[in-house]
Amino acid sequence: MKARRIEVTDAIRASDELPELPVPDYASAFAVPIPQTATRSPEDWARSVFEDAPSPIRRLVRTGWRFPLRFDLAAPGPDQVLGARITSSAASRIILEQRSPALLAHNIVSVEPARVVWVTVVSYRRPIGRPLWALSALIHHRVLPYLLTRAARTL
């Protein structure tokens, strides 16, 4: 069970429940296979990936969100996951939103019968958003599949 990058179009098409989101400037998607007997909700997956990450990685992620990206993180509570606001939640999908002056990001977690799909879409709100995300995407492409794989192994 290892998370792998997939085509974003396939991931988006797989979820017909998605609300309308802004047209992104960047999108990536990862999928990890899961047993068909898995019962975790999309919110449980999001929390397992971000909040149950090893402490050094969790701190790295949160610090990156807060300082270089300047995301306005939510206070601890049931309506957020590691500071990312839950903007939509359904039986098979959850959307986490993060905003900064330069970026608008959505992480969409969909639970399908045999896999979990994690889509990240980012819109640049200001010109500085493009280089900020270009650097962050290098980390994102390493950390997210690792954390998704790690969460799948705890089933």
Protein backbone atom coordinates (compact mmCIF):
# COMPACT_ATOMS: atom_id res chain seq x y z
CA MET A 1 0.00 0.00 0.00
CA LYS A 2 1.91 2.99 -1.29
CA ALA A 3 0.46 6.33 -2.36
CA ARG A 4 1.15 7.19 -5.97
CA ARG A 5 0.58 10.28 -8.03
CA ILE A 6 -2.39 10.04 -10.39
CA GLU A 7 -3.88 12.24 -13.08
CA VAL A 8 -5.91 15.03 -11.54
CA THR A 9 -8.65 14.69 -14.15
CA ASP A 10 -9.23 11.07 -13.13
CA ALA A 11 -9.38 12.05 -9.47
CA ILE A 12 -11.79 14.92 -10.06
CA ARG A 13 -14.04 12.82 -12.30
CA ALA A 14 -14.20 10.15 -9.61
CA SER A 15 -16.05 12.51 -7.31
CA ASP A 16 -19.28 13.92 -8.70
CA GLU A 17 -20.10 15.47 -5.31
CA LEU A 18 -17.51 18.25 -5.55
CA PRO A 19 -18.89 21.73 -5.10
CA GLU A 20 -17.74 24.39 -7.50
CA LEU A 21 -14.21 25.51 -6.65
CA PRO A 22 -12.21 28.31 -8.29
CA VAL A 23 -10.33 27.25 -11.40
CA PRO A 24 -6.92 26.27 -10.01
CA ASP A 25 -3.53 27.39 -11.23
CA TYR A 26 -2.01 24.19 -9.82
CA ALA A 27 -3.43 20.75 -9.12
CA SER A 28 -1.99 17.42 -8.02
CA ALA A 29 -3.52 14.15 -6.92
CA PHE A 30 -2.35 11.07 -5.07
CA ALA A 31 -4.14 7.78 -4.45
CA VAL A 32 -3.46 4.98 -2.01
CA PRO A 33 -5.14 1.57 -2.22
CA ILE A 34 -7.17 0.47 0.79
CA PRO A 35 -9.04 -2.71 1.69
CA GLN A 36 -12.69 -2.62 0.71
CA THR A 37 -13.49 -3.31 4.35
CA ALA A 38 -11.86 -0.04 5.50
CA THR A 39 -14.32 2.16 7.38
CA ARG A 40 -12.46 5.44 7.93
CA SER A 41 -14.34 8.58 6.97
CA PRO A 42 -12.72 11.26 4.81
CA GLU A 43 -12.31 13.42 7.93
CA ASP A 44 -10.61 10.52 9.73
CA TRP A 45 -8.22 10.21 6.78
CA ALA A 46 -7.44 13.94 6.80
CA ARG A 47 -6.81 13.87 10.55
CA SER A 48 -4.69 10.72 10.30
CA VAL A 49 -2.57 12.22 7.52
CA PHE A 50 -1.97 15.62 9.14
CA GLU A 51 -2.62 15.33 12.87
CA ASP A 52 -1.16 11.85 13.41
CA ALA A 53 1.99 12.63 11.41
CA PRO A 54 5.29 12.28 13.26
CA SER A 55 5.86 15.39 15.35
CA PRO A 56 8.80 16.77 13.29
CA ILE A 57 6.82 16.46 10.05
CA ARG A 58 3.67 17.90 11.62
CA ARG A 59 5.71 20.90 12.83
CA LEU A 60 7.33 21.29 9.39
CA VAL A 61 3.94 21.27 7.66
CA ARG A 62 2.33 23.70 10.09
CA THR A 63 5.35 26.03 10.08
CA GLY A 64 5.42 26.01 6.28
CA TRP A 65 1.73 26.81 6.13
CA ARG A 66 2.05 29.61 8.66
CA PHE A 67 5.23 31.42 7.64
CA PRO A 68 6.34 31.17 4.01
CA LEU A 69 2.81 30.55 2.72
CA ARG A 70 1.16 32.79 5.34
CA PHE A 71 -2.01 30.71 5.55
CA ASP A 72 -4.50 32.01 8.09
CA LEU A 73 -4.79 28.88 10.24
CA ALA A 74 -7.94 28.16 12.24
CA ALA A 75 -7.92 27.82 16.00
CA PRO A 76 -8.10 24.25 17.32
CA GLY A 77 -11.60 22.82 17.10
CA PRO A 78 -13.81 20.27 15.35
CA ASP A 79 -14.20 22.44 12.23
CA GLN A 80 -10.51 22.31 11.28
CA VAL A 81 -7.70 19.80 10.66
CA LEU A 82 -4.26 21.02 11.78
CA GLY A 83 -5.47 24.57 11.18
CA ALA A 84 -7.04 23.95 7.74
CA ARG A 85 -10.74 24.82 7.77
CA ILE A 86 -13.29 22.16 6.86
CA THR A 87 -15.47 23.87 4.25
CA SER A 88 -17.42 20.86 3.03
CA SER A 89 -17.97 17.38 4.35
CA ALA A 90 -19.93 14.45 2.97
CA ALA A 91 -19.94 10.69 3.47
CA SER A 92 -17.29 10.11 0.81
CA ARG A 93 -15.46 13.44 0.64
CA ILE A 94 -14.11 16.33 2.72
CA ILE A 95 -12.65 19.65 1.59
CA LEU A 96 -10.07 21.54 3.63
CA GLU A 97 -9.42 25.19 2.77
CA GLN A 98 -6.46 27.44 3.48
CA ARG A 99 -6.19 31.10 2.54
CA SER A 100 -3.40 33.63 2.50
CA PRO A 101 -2.99 36.97 0.78
CA ALA A 102 -1.15 35.17 -2.06
CA LEU A 103 -2.82 31.73 -2.24
CA LEU A 104 -6.11 29.87 -1.96
CA ALA A 105 -5.60 26.13 -1.43
CA HIS A 106 -8.04 23.23 -1.18
CA ASN A 107 -7.23 19.68 -0.13
CA ILE A 108 -9.98 17.32 -1.23
CA VAL A 109 -9.98 13.87 0.36
CA SER A 110 -12.26 11.29 -1.26
CA VAL A 111 -12.79 7.76 0.03
CA GLU A 112 -13.69 5.29 -2.69
CA PRO A 113 -14.37 1.55 -2.29
CA ALA A 114 -10.76 0.50 -2.96
CA ARG A 115 -8.70 3.68 -2.59
CA VAL A 116 -8.35 7.08 -1.00
CA VAL A 117 -7.72 9.98 -3.35
CA TRP A 118 -6.12 13.22 -2.14
CA VAL A 119 -6.35 16.19 -4.52
CA THR A 120 -4.65 19.52 -3.86
CA VAL A 121 -5.69 22.55 -5.90
CA VAL A 122 -4.11 25.97 -5.52
CA SER A 123 -5.14 29.32 -6.97
CA TYR A 124 -2.73 32.23 -7.04
CA ARG A 125 -4.36 35.32 -5.59
CA ARG A 126 -1.32 37.52 -6.21
CA PRO A 127 1.71 37.17 -8.50
CA ILE A 128 3.96 36.15 -5.58
CA GLY A 129 1.76 33.06 -5.14
CA ARG A 130 3.30 31.30 -8.14
CA PRO A 131 6.93 31.21 -6.88
CA LEU A 132 5.79 30.58 -3.30
CA TRP A 133 3.82 27.52 -4.33
CA ALA A 134 6.49 26.35 -6.81
CA LEU A 135 8.93 25.98 -3.91
CA SER A 136 6.31 24.52 -1.58
CA ALA A 137 5.17 21.99 -4.19
CA LEU A 138 8.61 20.37 -4.07
CA ILE A 139 8.01 19.55 -0.40
CA HIS A 140 4.33 18.76 -0.95
CA HIS A 141 5.19 16.06 -3.54
CA ARG A 142 7.45 14.30 -1.03
CA VAL A 143 5.57 14.74 2.24
CA LEU A 144 1.95 14.14 1.21
CA PRO A 145 2.43 10.69 -0.39
CA TYR A 146 4.56 9.64 2.57
CA LEU A 147 1.88 10.72 5.06
CA LEU A 148 -0.93 9.16 3.00
CA THR A 149 0.97 5.86 2.79
CA ARG A 150 1.68 6.03 6.53
CA ALA A 151 -2.02 6.59 7.30
CA ALA A 152 -3.00 3.63 5.09
CA ARG A 153 -0.65 1.35 7.00
CA THR A 154 -2.46 2.12 10.27
CA LEU A 155 -5.75 0.60 9.05
